[in-house]
């Protein structure tokens, strides 16, 4: 772990060769290391998402957060860009996979890369992290309370549906972190996900937290829960050390 890091806004190649904005944070030094793609939550490519990205650099990873709402509102404030994306029905799954693929390739192309890349997502990004793990050759995935991996979205919610049919294609170890007071995903949704992964012989570990609901990692929101978030970060650090280390 090191406080000596650098961070900058860059452009990467996303789906169909289109250029999008992304936030790159890297630790100092030329040591070989893994990479982490941070998939931001539905509120967008905001300060909190960038702080999480820097935290992974502090932990010793090259970390990259693509702006998934760049096409809807390039250069706009996160809230405005997120609103524009929601008005268009949310980020399409195929575009998400294409943009994250570009982020993965960017990390693997860095001279410090050891070739291993993991993905982590929060809220809608948790669902998208699982989708990526079912679609791309990544080395690890973390789902932080991702809604509608299982279960059906309510009418009007900008999510294209659950991804139950994709779960047999999970290609890497999965860590799931969930609040027992959450509605989306509810404990029943998490139970269903666990049963499907067990039935398909997948490598996964889940941790559930009493007294925590949706967004318990969000330090800037009322739903933040210190004990759950601290334990969750310890689980993430251990998981990525095991799956992304040399």
Foldseek 3Di string as FASTA:
>chain_A
DAPAKDKDKDWWQFPPRDIFIKIKMAHDDQAAFAEEEEEEALLWDAPQSNVVQNVVRRLHHTYMYTGLLCVQPNPDHSNVSSVSQLVVLHRDLVRLLRRVVRVLVVRCPDSRYPNAYEYEYAACGLQSQQVNQLPDPHFEYERELYFACPDFDDPSGSDPHHVLVSNLSRNYEYEYEAECVEVRVHPVRVVVSVVSCVVSVHHYDYDYHYPAYGPCLPPVDPRPDVVSNVVVVVVVSVVCCVRIPD
